[in-house]
Amino acid sequence: MSESWHEKIKNKNREEIIQTGKELFLKYNFINVNIKDVCTLSGISRVTFYKHFKSIDELIFEVQMDIIRHMVQFIKSEDRCEESGKDRIIAMLNAWINFAKEYKDEIKFIFLFDFYYGAYDSNEELKLKYENFILEDDMSDFFTDAINKGIIDRSLKSDLHPTKTGYYMFQTIMGVLQRVSYTSLQIKDEVLTFDDITETVVEMIISSIKNIEE
């Protein structure tokens, strides 16, 4: 019982450090934050920090996973299992767009994380843990069930590969949201709005997978 209590306290302290790191990273970008900054805001010593994390990189990876979980839960919360496969996908894509509007800094963090740790060598143990998190927790595969249903209810094309199609949609919408979250796009004298771009992308995605004979 004593060990269980200590474990709960340890996990609580670890989670508090993750949330402090998240606050700092979203405000200043993680490349501008160090262990001292985290310790100061958390009110802990370096010794306490190192009881939970081996490095600032490990904390950054934990924050990335926390943000991904938040994003996926937000999207899944708008999934309507009773609707057609196509309508379920539309609802989740729109939820993703709403997440990007409401949590713009988190989308920016994901972009910076992917760019920084994709361009530079990082700890292999951390990379493997992150890859397993994405694969085992289905963090990039939440469209599959809706696609399968759409094939069955004939709202989507019958020749779609559910896993590949879901991955394609994930990469497409994520890339667009990261891009428009950082900059505005201008064509000649006209500025394209966030909604202009995202609504068009959703229409393009749905047009590419819907059953035209429906």
N, C-alpha and C. Protein backbone atom coordinates (compact mmCIF):
# COMPACT_ATOMS: atom_id res chain seq x y z
N MET A 1 0.83 -1.21 0.00
CA MET A 1 0.00 0.00 0.00
C MET A 1 0.87 1.25 0.00
N SER A 2 1.97 1.19 0.81
CA SER A 2 2.90 2.32 0.87
C SER A 2 3.55 2.56 -0.48
N GLU A 3 3.95 1.47 -1.16
CA GLU A 3 4.58 1.60 -2.47
C GLU A 3 3.60 2.21 -3.48
N SER A 4 2.35 1.82 -3.39
CA SER A 4 1.34 2.36 -4.30
C SER A 4 1.17 3.86 -4.09
N TRP A 5 1.20 4.29 -2.83
CA TRP A 5 1.07 5.71 -2.52
C TRP A 5 2.25 6.48 -3.07
N HIS A 6 3.46 5.93 -2.87
CA HIS A 6 4.67 6.60 -3.38
C HIS A 6 4.66 6.67 -4.90
N GLU A 7 4.15 5.62 -5.53
CA GLU A 7 4.09 5.59 -6.99
C GLU A 7 3.13 6.65 -7.51
N LYS A 8 2.01 6.82 -6.81
CA LYS A 8 1.04 7.85 -7.21
C LYS A 8 1.64 9.24 -7.09
N ILE A 9 2.38 9.48 -6.00
CA ILE A 9 3.02 10.78 -5.80
C ILE A 9 4.07 11.02 -6.88
N LYS A 10 4.84 9.98 -7.19
CA LYS A 10 5.87 10.09 -8.22
C LYS A 10 5.25 10.43 -9.57
N ASN A 11 4.18 9.73 -9.91
CA ASN A 11 3.51 9.98 -11.18
C ASN A 11 2.89 11.38 -11.22
N LYS A 12 2.35 11.82 -10.09
CA LYS A 12 1.77 13.16 -10.00
C LYS A 12 2.85 14.22 -10.22
N ASN A 13 3.99 14.03 -9.58
CA ASN A 13 5.09 14.99 -9.74
C ASN A 13 5.60 15.01 -11.18
N ARG A 14 5.69 13.84 -11.78
CA ARG A 14 6.14 13.74 -13.17
C ARG A 14 5.17 14.47 -14.10
N GLU A 15 3.88 14.27 -13.87
CA GLU A 15 2.87 14.91 -14.71
C GLU A 15 2.91 16.43 -14.54
N GLU A 16 3.16 16.89 -13.33
CA GLU A 16 3.26 18.33 -13.10
C GLU A 16 4.44 18.93 -13.85
N ILE A 17 5.55 18.21 -13.90
CA ILE A 17 6.72 18.69 -14.65
C ILE A 17 6.41 18.73 -16.14
N ILE A 18 5.70 17.71 -16.63
CA ILE A 18 5.32 17.68 -18.05
C ILE A 18 4.45 18.88 -18.39
N GLN A 19 3.49 19.19 -17.54
CA GLN A 19 2.60 20.32 -17.81
C GLN A 19 3.34 21.65 -17.71
N THR A 20 4.31 21.74 -16.81
CA THR A 20 5.13 22.95 -16.72
C THR A 20 5.97 23.10 -17.98
N GLY A 21 6.58 21.99 -18.41
CA GLY A 21 7.36 22.02 -19.64
C GLY A 21 6.50 22.42 -20.82
N LYS A 22 5.31 21.88 -20.88
CA LYS A 22 4.38 22.20 -21.96
C LYS A 22 4.07 23.69 -21.98
N GLU A 23 3.82 24.26 -20.82
CA GLU A 23 3.53 25.69 -20.72
C GLU A 23 4.69 26.52 -21.27
N LEU A 24 5.90 26.17 -20.89
CA LEU A 24 7.08 26.91 -21.34
C LEU A 24 7.34 26.70 -22.83
N PHE A 25 7.24 25.46 -23.28
CA PHE A 25 7.52 25.14 -24.68
C PHE A 25 6.55 25.84 -25.62
N LEU A 26 5.28 25.88 -25.24
CA LEU A 26 4.27 26.53 -26.09
C LEU A 26 4.46 28.04 -26.12
N LYS A 27 4.97 28.59 -25.04
CA LYS A 27 5.14 30.04 -24.95
C LYS A 27 6.43 30.51 -25.62
N TYR A 28 7.52 29.73 -25.45
CA TYR A 28 8.82 30.20 -25.91
C TYR A 28 9.46 29.34 -27.00
N ASN A 29 8.85 28.21 -27.37
CA ASN A 29 9.44 27.19 -28.24
C ASN A 29 10.50 26.41 -27.46
N PHE A 30 10.50 25.10 -27.61
CA PHE A 30 11.37 24.28 -26.76
C PHE A 30 12.85 24.52 -27.00
N ILE A 31 13.23 25.05 -28.16
CA ILE A 31 14.64 25.30 -28.42
C ILE A 31 15.17 26.45 -27.55
N ASN A 32 14.27 27.22 -26.96
CA ASN A 32 14.67 28.35 -26.12
C ASN A 32 14.47 28.09 -24.63
N VAL A 33 14.15 26.85 -24.28
CA VAL A 33 13.87 26.50 -22.88
C VAL A 33 14.89 25.48 -22.40
N ASN A 34 15.40 25.65 -21.20
CA ASN A 34 16.34 24.69 -20.64
C ASN A 34 15.83 24.11 -19.32
N ILE A 35 16.59 23.19 -18.76
CA ILE A 35 16.18 22.52 -17.53
C ILE A 35 16.00 23.52 -16.39
N LYS A 36 16.89 24.51 -16.32
CA LYS A 36 16.79 25.52 -15.27
C LYS A 36 15.44 26.24 -15.33
N ASP A 37 14.99 26.57 -16.54
CA ASP A 37 13.70 27.25 -16.70
C ASP A 37 12.56 26.40 -16.16
N VAL A 38 12.60 25.10 -16.49
CA VAL A 38 11.55 24.18 -16.04
C VAL A 38 11.57 24.05 -14.52
N CYS A 39 12.78 23.91 -13.96
CA CYS A 39 12.91 23.77 -12.50
C CYS A 39 12.42 25.01 -11.77
N THR A 40 12.75 26.17 -12.32
CA THR A 40 12.36 27.43 -11.68
C THR A 40 10.85 27.58 -11.64
N LEU A 41 10.18 27.33 -12.78
CA LEU A 41 8.73 27.47 -12.82
C LEU A 41 8.03 26.38 -12.00
N SER A 42 8.63 25.19 -11.97
CA SER A 42 8.03 24.07 -11.22
C SER A 42 8.30 24.18 -9.73
N GLY A 43 9.33 24.95 -9.36
CA GLY A 43 9.70 25.04 -7.95
C GLY A 43 10.39 23.79 -7.47
N ILE A 44 11.17 23.15 -8.35
CA ILE A 44 11.89 21.93 -8.00
C ILE A 44 13.38 22.11 -8.25
N SER A 45 14.16 21.18 -7.73
CA SER A 45 15.60 21.20 -7.95
C SER A 45 15.95 20.38 -9.18
N ARG A 46 17.19 20.54 -9.64
CA ARG A 46 17.65 19.72 -10.76
C ARG A 46 17.64 18.24 -10.38
N VAL A 47 17.96 17.97 -9.13
CA VAL A 47 17.97 16.58 -8.66
C VAL A 47 16.59 15.95 -8.84
N THR A 48 15.55 16.70 -8.47
CA THR A 48 14.18 16.21 -8.64
C THR A 48 13.84 16.02 -10.11
N PHE A 49 14.27 16.97 -10.94
CA PHE A 49 14.02 16.85 -12.38
C PHE A 49 14.61 15.56 -12.92
N TYR A 50 15.87 15.29 -12.54
CA TYR A 50 16.56 14.11 -13.07
C TYR A 50 16.05 12.80 -12.48
N LYS A 51 15.25 12.88 -11.45
CA LYS A 51 14.59 11.67 -10.94
C LYS A 51 13.52 11.19 -11.91
N HIS A 52 13.01 12.13 -12.69
CA HIS A 52 11.91 11.83 -13.61
C HIS A 52 12.32 11.81 -15.08
N PHE A 53 13.31 12.62 -15.44
CA PHE A 53 13.72 12.74 -16.84
C PHE A 53 15.25 12.75 -16.94
N LYS A 54 15.75 12.04 -17.94
CA LYS A 54 17.19 11.98 -18.14
C LYS A 54 17.74 13.24 -18.80
N SER A 55 16.87 13.95 -19.51
CA SER A 55 17.32 15.13 -20.26
C SER A 55 16.13 16.00 -20.61
N ILE A 56 16.41 17.20 -21.10
CA ILE A 56 15.34 18.08 -21.58
C ILE A 56 14.67 17.47 -22.80
N ASP A 57 15.43 16.71 -23.59
CA ASP A 57 14.87 16.06 -24.77
C ASP A 57 13.78 15.07 -24.38
N GLU A 58 14.01 14.32 -23.31
CA GLU A 58 12.99 13.36 -22.88
C GLU A 58 11.70 14.08 -22.49
N LEU A 59 11.84 15.23 -21.84
CA LEU A 59 10.66 16.01 -21.47
C LEU A 59 9.95 16.53 -22.72
N ILE A 60 10.70 16.97 -23.70
CA ILE A 60 10.11 17.46 -24.96
C ILE A 60 9.32 16.34 -25.64
N PHE A 61 9.87 15.13 -25.67
CA PHE A 61 9.17 14.00 -26.27
C PHE A 61 7.88 13.70 -25.50
N GLU A 62 7.93 13.79 -24.18
CA GLU A 62 6.73 13.54 -23.37
C GLU A 62 5.65 14.58 -23.65
N VAL A 63 6.06 15.83 -23.81
CA VAL A 63 5.09 16.89 -24.12
C VAL A 63 4.48 16.66 -25.50
N GLN A 64 5.31 16.23 -26.45
CA GLN A 64 4.80 15.93 -27.79
C GLN A 64 3.73 14.84 -27.71
N MET A 65 3.99 13.79 -26.96
CA MET A 65 3.02 12.70 -26.83
C MET A 65 1.75 13.17 -26.11
N ASP A 66 1.91 14.04 -25.14
CA ASP A 66 0.76 14.60 -24.43
C ASP A 66 -0.12 15.41 -25.38
N ILE A 67 0.51 16.19 -26.24
CA ILE A 67 -0.23 17.02 -27.20
C ILE A 67 -0.93 16.15 -28.25
N ILE A 68 -0.23 15.12 -28.73
CA ILE A 68 -0.83 14.21 -29.71
C ILE A 68 -2.06 13.52 -29.11
N ARG A 69 -1.94 13.06 -27.87
CA ARG A 69 -3.09 12.43 -27.20
C ARG A 69 -4.27 13.40 -27.12
N HIS A 70 -3.97 14.63 -26.73
CA HIS A 70 -5.01 15.65 -26.61
C HIS A 70 -5.70 15.87 -27.96
N MET A 71 -4.91 15.98 -29.01
CA MET A 71 -5.45 16.23 -30.34
C MET A 71 -6.33 15.06 -30.80
N VAL A 72 -5.84 13.85 -30.64
CA VAL A 72 -6.59 12.68 -31.10
C VAL A 72 -7.88 12.51 -30.31
N GLN A 73 -7.83 12.73 -29.01
CA GLN A 73 -9.05 12.65 -28.19
C GLN A 73 -10.07 13.69 -28.62
N PHE A 74 -9.60 14.89 -28.94
CA PHE A 74 -10.47 15.97 -29.41
C PHE A 74 -11.16 15.55 -30.71
N ILE A 75 -10.40 14.98 -31.63
CA ILE A 75 -10.94 14.57 -32.92
C ILE A 75 -11.93 13.41 -32.76
N LYS A 76 -11.53 12.40 -31.98
CA LYS A 76 -12.39 11.23 -31.79
C LYS A 76 -13.69 11.59 -31.08
N SER A 77 -13.67 12.63 -30.27
CA SER A 77 -14.88 13.02 -29.54
C SER A 77 -15.98 13.49 -30.48
N GLU A 78 -15.61 13.85 -31.71
CA GLU A 78 -16.60 14.31 -32.69
C GLU A 78 -17.01 13.22 -33.66
N ASP A 79 -16.45 12.02 -33.49
CA ASP A 79 -16.83 10.89 -34.35
C ASP A 79 -18.24 10.44 -33.99
N ARG A 80 -19.07 10.29 -35.00
CA ARG A 80 -20.45 9.87 -34.79
C ARG A 80 -20.64 8.49 -35.43
N CYS A 81 -20.50 7.45 -34.60
CA CYS A 81 -20.48 6.08 -35.11
C CYS A 81 -21.77 5.67 -35.80
N GLU A 82 -22.87 6.36 -35.49
CA GLU A 82 -24.15 5.98 -36.09
C GLU A 82 -24.31 6.53 -37.51
N GLU A 83 -23.44 7.45 -37.92
CA GLU A 83 -23.56 8.06 -39.24
C GLU A 83 -22.80 7.25 -40.29
N SER A 84 -22.93 7.64 -41.55
CA SER A 84 -22.23 6.94 -42.63
C SER A 84 -20.73 7.15 -42.48
N GLY A 85 -19.96 6.27 -43.11
CA GLY A 85 -18.51 6.40 -43.05
C GLY A 85 -18.03 7.74 -43.55
N LYS A 86 -18.61 8.20 -44.65
CA LYS A 86 -18.21 9.50 -45.22
C LYS A 86 -18.50 10.63 -44.25
N ASP A 87 -19.68 10.64 -43.66
CA ASP A 87 -20.05 11.72 -42.73
C ASP A 87 -19.19 11.68 -41.47
N ARG A 88 -18.81 10.48 -41.04
CA ARG A 88 -17.93 10.37 -39.87
C ARG A 88 -16.57 11.00 -40.17
N ILE A 89 -16.05 10.75 -41.37
CA ILE A 89 -14.76 11.32 -41.74
C ILE A 89 -14.84 12.84 -41.84
N ILE A 90 -15.92 13.34 -42.44
CA ILE A 90 -16.11 14.80 -42.53
C ILE A 90 -16.13 15.41 -41.14
N ALA A 91 -16.84 14.77 -40.21
CA ALA A 91 -16.94 15.29 -38.84
C ALA A 91 -15.58 15.33 -38.16
N MET A 92 -14.78 14.28 -38.37
CA MET A 92 -13.46 14.23 -37.73
C MET A 92 -12.49 15.22 -38.36
N LEU A 93 -12.55 15.38 -39.67
CA LEU A 93 -11.69 16.36 -40.33
C LEU A 93 -12.03 17.78 -39.85
N ASN A 94 -13.32 18.07 -39.74
CA ASN A 94 -13.73 19.39 -39.25
C ASN A 94 -13.34 19.59 -37.79
N ALA A 95 -13.39 18.51 -37.01
CA ALA A 95 -12.95 18.59 -35.61
C ALA A 95 -11.47 18.90 -35.54
N TRP A 96 -10.70 18.31 -36.44
CA TRP A 96 -9.25 18.54 -36.50
C TRP A 96 -8.97 20.01 -36.80
N ILE A 97 -9.73 20.56 -37.73
CA ILE A 97 -9.58 21.98 -38.08
C ILE A 97 -9.93 22.86 -36.89
N ASN A 98 -11.00 22.50 -36.18
CA ASN A 98 -11.39 23.27 -35.00
C ASN A 98 -10.32 23.19 -33.90
N PHE A 99 -9.70 22.02 -33.79
CA PHE A 99 -8.60 21.87 -32.83
C PHE A 99 -7.47 22.82 -33.17
N ALA A 100 -7.13 22.90 -34.45
CA ALA A 100 -6.04 23.78 -34.89
C ALA A 100 -6.36 25.24 -34.62
N LYS A 101 -7.63 25.59 -34.72
CA LYS A 101 -8.04 26.97 -34.41
C LYS A 101 -7.94 27.25 -32.92
N GLU A 102 -8.41 26.30 -32.13
CA GLU A 102 -8.48 26.49 -30.68
C GLU A 102 -7.13 26.30 -30.00
N TYR A 103 -6.32 25.42 -30.56
CA TYR A 103 -5.02 25.10 -29.95
C TYR A 103 -3.89 25.30 -30.97
N LYS A 104 -3.84 26.49 -31.49
CA LYS A 104 -2.87 26.82 -32.54
C LYS A 104 -1.44 26.58 -32.09
N ASP A 105 -1.13 26.92 -30.84
CA ASP A 105 0.24 26.75 -30.34
C ASP A 105 0.63 25.28 -30.27
N GLU A 106 -0.33 24.40 -30.03
CA GLU A 106 -0.02 22.97 -29.98
C GLU A 106 0.29 22.43 -31.38
N ILE A 107 -0.42 22.91 -32.38
CA ILE A 107 -0.12 22.52 -33.76
C ILE A 107 1.27 23.02 -34.14
N LYS A 108 1.61 24.22 -33.73
CA LYS A 108 2.95 24.77 -34.00
C LYS A 108 4.03 23.92 -33.32
N PHE A 109 3.74 23.49 -32.10
CA PHE A 109 4.70 22.65 -31.38
C PHE A 109 4.96 21.35 -32.14
N ILE A 110 3.88 20.71 -32.60
CA ILE A 110 4.02 19.46 -33.34
C ILE A 110 4.89 19.67 -34.58
N PHE A 111 4.65 20.78 -35.28
CA PHE A 111 5.44 21.09 -36.48
C PHE A 111 6.91 21.25 -36.13
N LEU A 112 7.21 22.05 -35.11
CA LEU A 112 8.59 22.29 -34.72
C LEU A 112 9.26 20.99 -34.26
N PHE A 113 8.53 20.18 -33.52
CA PHE A 113 9.05 18.89 -33.05
C PHE A 113 9.41 18.00 -34.24
N ASP A 114 8.47 17.85 -35.17
CA ASP A 114 8.70 17.00 -36.34
C ASP A 114 9.89 17.49 -37.16
N PHE A 115 9.97 18.80 -37.34
CA PHE A 115 11.06 19.38 -38.13
C PHE A 115 12.40 19.22 -37.42
N TYR A 116 12.44 19.58 -36.15
CA TYR A 116 13.71 19.57 -35.41
C TYR A 116 14.24 18.15 -35.22
N TYR A 117 13.40 17.26 -34.73
CA TYR A 117 13.87 15.91 -34.44
C TYR A 117 13.90 15.02 -35.68
N GLY A 118 13.31 15.51 -36.77
CA GLY A 118 13.44 14.80 -38.03
C GLY A 118 14.71 15.18 -38.76
N ALA A 119 15.16 16.41 -38.55
CA ALA A 119 16.34 16.93 -39.24
C ALA A 119 17.63 16.59 -38.52
N TYR A 120 17.56 16.41 -37.20
CA TYR A 120 18.77 16.18 -36.41
C TYR A 120 18.69 14.85 -35.69
N ASP A 121 19.87 14.25 -35.49
CA ASP A 121 19.93 12.99 -34.77
C ASP A 121 19.51 13.21 -33.32
N SER A 122 18.72 12.31 -32.81
CA SER A 122 18.31 12.39 -31.41
C SER A 122 18.46 11.01 -30.79
N ASN A 123 18.25 10.94 -29.51
CA ASN A 123 18.39 9.71 -28.76
C ASN A 123 17.53 8.59 -29.36
N GLU A 124 18.16 7.48 -29.70
CA GLU A 124 17.45 6.38 -30.34
C GLU A 124 16.38 5.78 -29.43
N GLU A 125 16.65 5.76 -28.14
CA GLU A 125 15.67 5.23 -27.19
C GLU A 125 14.40 6.08 -27.19
N LEU A 126 14.57 7.39 -27.24
CA LEU A 126 13.42 8.29 -27.28
C LEU A 126 12.65 8.15 -28.58
N LYS A 127 13.37 8.06 -29.69
CA LYS A 127 12.72 7.92 -30.99
C LYS A 127 11.93 6.62 -31.07
N LEU A 128 12.50 5.54 -30.53
CA LEU A 128 11.81 4.25 -30.55
C LEU A 128 10.55 4.29 -29.68
N LYS A 129 10.66 4.92 -28.52
CA LYS A 129 9.50 5.05 -27.63
C LYS A 129 8.39 5.84 -28.31
N TYR A 130 8.76 6.90 -29.00
CA TYR A 130 7.77 7.73 -29.69
C TYR A 130 7.13 6.97 -30.85
N GLU A 131 7.94 6.25 -31.62
CA GLU A 131 7.40 5.46 -32.73
C GLU A 131 6.42 4.41 -32.23
N ASN A 132 6.77 3.75 -31.12
CA ASN A 132 5.88 2.74 -30.54
C ASN A 132 4.58 3.37 -30.04
N PHE A 133 4.70 4.56 -29.48
CA PHE A 133 3.51 5.29 -29.01
C PHE A 133 2.56 5.56 -30.17
N ILE A 134 3.09 6.04 -31.29
CA ILE A 134 2.26 6.35 -32.45
C ILE A 134 1.62 5.09 -33.02
N LEU A 135 2.39 4.01 -33.12
CA LEU A 135 1.89 2.78 -33.73
C LEU A 135 0.96 2.00 -32.80
N GLU A 136 1.38 1.79 -31.58
CA GLU A 136 0.64 0.93 -30.67
C GLU A 136 -0.63 1.58 -30.14
N ASP A 137 -0.62 2.89 -30.00
CA ASP A 137 -1.80 3.59 -29.48
C ASP A 137 -2.73 4.11 -30.58
N ASP A 138 -2.44 3.71 -31.83
CA ASP A 138 -3.30 4.09 -32.96
C ASP A 138 -3.47 5.60 -33.08
N MET A 139 -2.39 6.34 -32.84
CA MET A 139 -2.48 7.79 -32.85
C MET A 139 -2.57 8.37 -34.27
N SER A 140 -2.26 7.57 -35.26
CA SER A 140 -2.37 8.08 -36.64
C SER A 140 -3.31 7.21 -37.47
N ASP A 141 -4.10 6.36 -36.79
CA ASP A 141 -4.91 5.38 -37.52
C ASP A 141 -6.37 5.42 -37.08
N PHE A 142 -6.86 6.61 -36.70
CA PHE A 142 -8.22 6.68 -36.16
C PHE A 142 -9.29 6.81 -37.23
N PHE A 143 -8.89 6.87 -38.51
CA PHE A 143 -9.88 6.95 -39.59
C PHE A 143 -10.31 5.57 -40.08
N THR A 144 -9.53 4.53 -39.75
CA THR A 144 -9.73 3.21 -40.34
C THR A 144 -11.15 2.67 -40.17
N ASP A 145 -11.68 2.76 -38.97
CA ASP A 145 -13.02 2.22 -38.72
C ASP A 145 -14.07 2.93 -39.57
N ALA A 146 -13.95 4.25 -39.67
CA ALA A 146 -14.91 5.02 -40.48
C ALA A 146 -14.78 4.68 -41.96
N ILE A 147 -13.54 4.46 -42.41
CA ILE A 147 -13.33 4.10 -43.82
C ILE A 147 -13.94 2.74 -44.11
N ASN A 148 -13.70 1.78 -43.22
CA ASN A 148 -14.29 0.45 -43.39
C ASN A 148 -15.81 0.52 -43.44
N LYS A 149 -16.38 1.34 -42.57
CA LYS A 149 -17.84 1.48 -42.56
C LYS A 149 -18.32 2.12 -43.86
N GLY A 150 -17.57 3.12 -44.34
CA GLY A 150 -17.95 3.79 -45.58
C GLY A 150 -17.93 2.87 -46.78
N ILE A 151 -16.98 1.93 -46.78
CA ILE A 151 -16.92 0.95 -47.87
C ILE A 151 -18.15 0.04 -47.81
N ILE A 152 -18.51 -0.37 -46.60
CA ILE A 152 -19.65 -1.26 -46.42
C ILE A 152 -20.97 -0.56 -46.72
N ASP A 153 -21.12 0.69 -46.24
CA ASP A 153 -22.40 1.38 -46.47
C ASP A 153 -22.45 2.10 -47.83
N ARG A 154 -21.37 1.96 -48.61
CA ARG A 154 -21.28 2.46 -49.98
C ARG A 154 -21.23 4.00 -50.06
N SER A 155 -20.90 4.65 -48.96
CA SER A 155 -20.71 6.10 -49.03
C SER A 155 -19.30 6.44 -49.50
N LEU A 156 -18.40 5.43 -49.47
CA LEU A 156 -17.02 5.59 -49.95
C LEU A 156 -16.73 4.57 -51.04
N LYS A 157 -15.70 4.83 -51.81
CA LYS A 157 -15.30 3.92 -52.88
C LYS A 157 -14.99 2.53 -52.32
N SER A 158 -15.31 1.53 -53.09
CA SER A 158 -15.14 0.15 -52.62
C SER A 158 -13.69 -0.34 -52.70
N ASP A 159 -12.85 0.35 -53.49
CA ASP A 159 -11.48 -0.13 -53.68
C ASP A 159 -10.46 0.59 -52.79
N LEU A 160 -10.92 1.30 -51.79
CA LEU A 160 -10.00 2.01 -50.89
C LEU A 160 -9.25 1.03 -50.00
N HIS A 161 -7.99 1.32 -49.73
CA HIS A 161 -7.22 0.57 -48.74
C HIS A 161 -7.34 1.36 -47.43
N PRO A 162 -8.09 0.86 -46.45
CA PRO A 162 -8.39 1.64 -45.25
C PRO A 162 -7.17 2.23 -44.54
N THR A 163 -6.14 1.42 -44.33
CA THR A 163 -4.96 1.91 -43.60
C THR A 163 -4.21 2.96 -44.40
N LYS A 164 -3.96 2.68 -45.68
CA LYS A 164 -3.24 3.63 -46.51
C LYS A 164 -4.03 4.93 -46.70
N THR A 165 -5.33 4.80 -46.89
CA THR A 165 -6.17 5.98 -47.08
C THR A 165 -6.18 6.84 -45.82
N GLY A 166 -6.28 6.19 -44.67
CA GLY A 166 -6.26 6.92 -43.40
C GLY A 166 -4.94 7.65 -43.21
N TYR A 167 -3.85 6.99 -43.57
CA TYR A 167 -2.52 7.61 -43.44
C TYR A 167 -2.40 8.81 -44.38
N TYR A 168 -2.91 8.65 -45.59
CA TYR A 168 -2.88 9.75 -46.56
C TYR A 168 -3.66 10.96 -46.04
N MET A 169 -4.82 10.71 -45.47
CA MET A 169 -5.62 11.81 -44.93
C MET A 169 -4.92 12.47 -43.75
N PHE A 170 -4.34 11.64 -42.88
CA PHE A 170 -3.62 12.16 -41.71
C PHE A 170 -2.50 13.10 -42.14
N GLN A 171 -1.66 12.64 -43.07
CA GLN A 171 -0.52 13.43 -43.51
C GLN A 171 -0.96 14.70 -44.23
N THR A 172 -2.01 14.59 -45.03
CA THR A 172 -2.48 15.74 -45.80
C THR A 172 -3.01 16.84 -44.90
N ILE A 173 -3.96 16.51 -44.04
CA ILE A 173 -4.58 17.55 -43.21
C ILE A 173 -3.61 18.08 -42.18
N MET A 174 -2.74 17.19 -41.65
CA MET A 174 -1.77 17.65 -40.65
C MET A 174 -0.78 18.62 -41.27
N GLY A 175 -0.32 18.31 -42.47
CA GLY A 175 0.62 19.19 -43.15
C GLY A 175 0.02 20.55 -43.45
N VAL A 176 -1.22 20.56 -43.89
CA VAL A 176 -1.90 21.82 -44.20
C VAL A 176 -2.10 22.65 -42.94
N LEU A 177 -2.56 22.01 -41.86
CA LEU A 177 -2.82 22.75 -40.63
C LEU A 177 -1.54 23.32 -40.03
N GLN A 178 -0.45 22.58 -40.12
CA GLN A 178 0.83 23.09 -39.63
C GLN A 178 1.26 24.30 -40.44
N ARG A 179 1.09 24.21 -41.74
CA ARG A 179 1.51 25.30 -42.63
C ARG A 179 0.70 26.57 -42.37
N VAL A 180 -0.61 26.44 -42.35
CA VAL A 180 -1.45 27.64 -42.20
C VAL A 180 -1.44 28.18 -40.77
N SER A 181 -1.03 27.35 -39.81
CA SER A 181 -0.94 27.84 -38.43
C SER A 181 0.25 28.76 -38.25
N TYR A 182 1.24 28.63 -39.12
CA TYR A 182 2.44 29.45 -39.01
C TYR A 182 2.38 30.71 -39.86
N THR A 183 1.78 30.62 -41.03
CA THR A 183 1.81 31.78 -41.93
C THR A 183 0.47 31.96 -42.64
N SER A 184 0.26 33.17 -43.14
CA SER A 184 -0.89 33.42 -44.01
C SER A 184 -0.39 33.30 -45.44
N LEU A 185 -1.25 32.85 -46.32
CA LEU A 185 -0.86 32.67 -47.72
C LEU A 185 -1.53 33.73 -48.57
N GLN A 186 -0.75 34.34 -49.43
CA GLN A 186 -1.28 35.44 -50.24
C GLN A 186 -1.08 35.16 -51.72
N ILE A 187 -2.11 35.41 -52.52
CA ILE A 187 -2.01 35.29 -53.96
C ILE A 187 -2.30 36.66 -54.57
N LYS A 188 -1.29 37.23 -55.19
CA LYS A 188 -1.37 38.59 -55.74
C LYS A 188 -1.86 39.54 -54.65
N ASP A 189 -3.01 40.17 -54.84
CA ASP A 189 -3.48 41.15 -53.86
C ASP A 189 -4.52 40.57 -52.90
N GLU A 190 -4.69 39.26 -52.95
CA GLU A 190 -5.73 38.64 -52.12
C GLU A 190 -5.10 37.69 -51.10
N VAL A 191 -5.55 37.77 -49.88
CA VAL A 191 -5.06 36.89 -48.82
C VAL A 191 -6.04 35.73 -48.64
N LEU A 192 -5.52 34.52 -48.69
CA LEU A 192 -6.35 33.35 -48.44
C LEU A 192 -6.49 33.17 -46.93
N THR A 193 -7.69 32.96 -46.46
CA THR A 193 -7.91 32.78 -45.03
C THR A 193 -7.70 31.32 -44.63
N PHE A 194 -7.59 31.11 -43.34
CA PHE A 194 -7.47 29.77 -42.79
C PHE A 194 -8.64 28.90 -43.26
N ASP A 195 -9.85 29.44 -43.18
CA ASP A 195 -11.04 28.69 -43.57
C ASP A 195 -11.07 28.40 -45.07
N ASP A 196 -10.61 29.37 -45.89
CA ASP A 196 -10.56 29.15 -47.34
C ASP A 196 -9.76 27.89 -47.66
N ILE A 197 -8.60 27.80 -47.04
CA ILE A 197 -7.68 26.71 -47.34
C ILE A 197 -8.18 25.38 -46.77
N THR A 198 -8.54 25.38 -45.50
CA THR A 198 -8.92 24.12 -44.86
C THR A 198 -10.22 23.54 -45.42
N GLU A 199 -11.18 24.40 -45.71
CA GLU A 199 -12.44 23.91 -46.28
C GLU A 199 -12.21 23.28 -47.65
N THR A 200 -11.35 23.91 -48.45
CA THR A 200 -11.04 23.37 -49.77
C THR A 200 -10.32 22.04 -49.67
N VAL A 201 -9.40 21.92 -48.73
CA VAL A 201 -8.66 20.66 -48.56
C VAL A 201 -9.60 19.54 -48.13
N VAL A 202 -10.51 19.82 -47.22
CA VAL A 202 -11.48 18.80 -46.81
C VAL A 202 -12.34 18.37 -48.00
N GLU A 203 -12.78 19.31 -48.80
CA GLU A 203 -13.57 18.99 -49.99
C GLU A 203 -12.78 18.11 -50.95
N MET A 204 -11.49 18.41 -51.13
CA MET A 204 -10.64 17.63 -52.02
C MET A 204 -10.46 16.20 -51.50
N ILE A 205 -10.24 16.08 -50.19
CA ILE A 205 -10.07 14.76 -49.60
C ILE A 205 -11.34 13.92 -49.78
N ILE A 206 -12.48 14.51 -49.45
CA ILE A 206 -13.74 13.77 -49.56
C ILE A 206 -14.05 13.42 -51.01
N SER A 207 -13.77 14.33 -51.93
CA SER A 207 -14.01 14.06 -53.35
C SER A 207 -13.18 12.89 -53.85
N SER A 208 -12.00 12.71 -53.27
CA SER A 208 -11.11 11.64 -53.73
C SER A 208 -11.50 10.27 -53.19
N ILE A 209 -12.33 10.21 -52.15
CA ILE A 209 -12.66 8.92 -51.55
C ILE A 209 -14.15 8.57 -51.59
N LYS A 210 -15.01 9.54 -51.87
CA LYS A 210 -16.45 9.25 -51.82
C LYS A 210 -16.89 8.42 -53.02
N ASN A 211 -17.95 7.70 -52.83
CA ASN A 211 -18.53 6.88 -53.88
C ASN A 211 -19.42 7.78 -54.74
N ILE A 212 -19.01 8.03 -55.97
CA ILE A 212 -19.76 8.94 -56.83
C ILE A 212 -21.08 8.33 -57.29
N GLU A 213 -21.24 7.03 -57.08
CA GLU A 213 -22.48 6.36 -57.47
C GLU A 213 -23.47 6.30 -56.31
N GLU A 214 -23.08 6.94 -55.19
CA GLU A 214 -23.94 6.89 -53.99
C GLU A 214 -25.30 7.50 -54.27
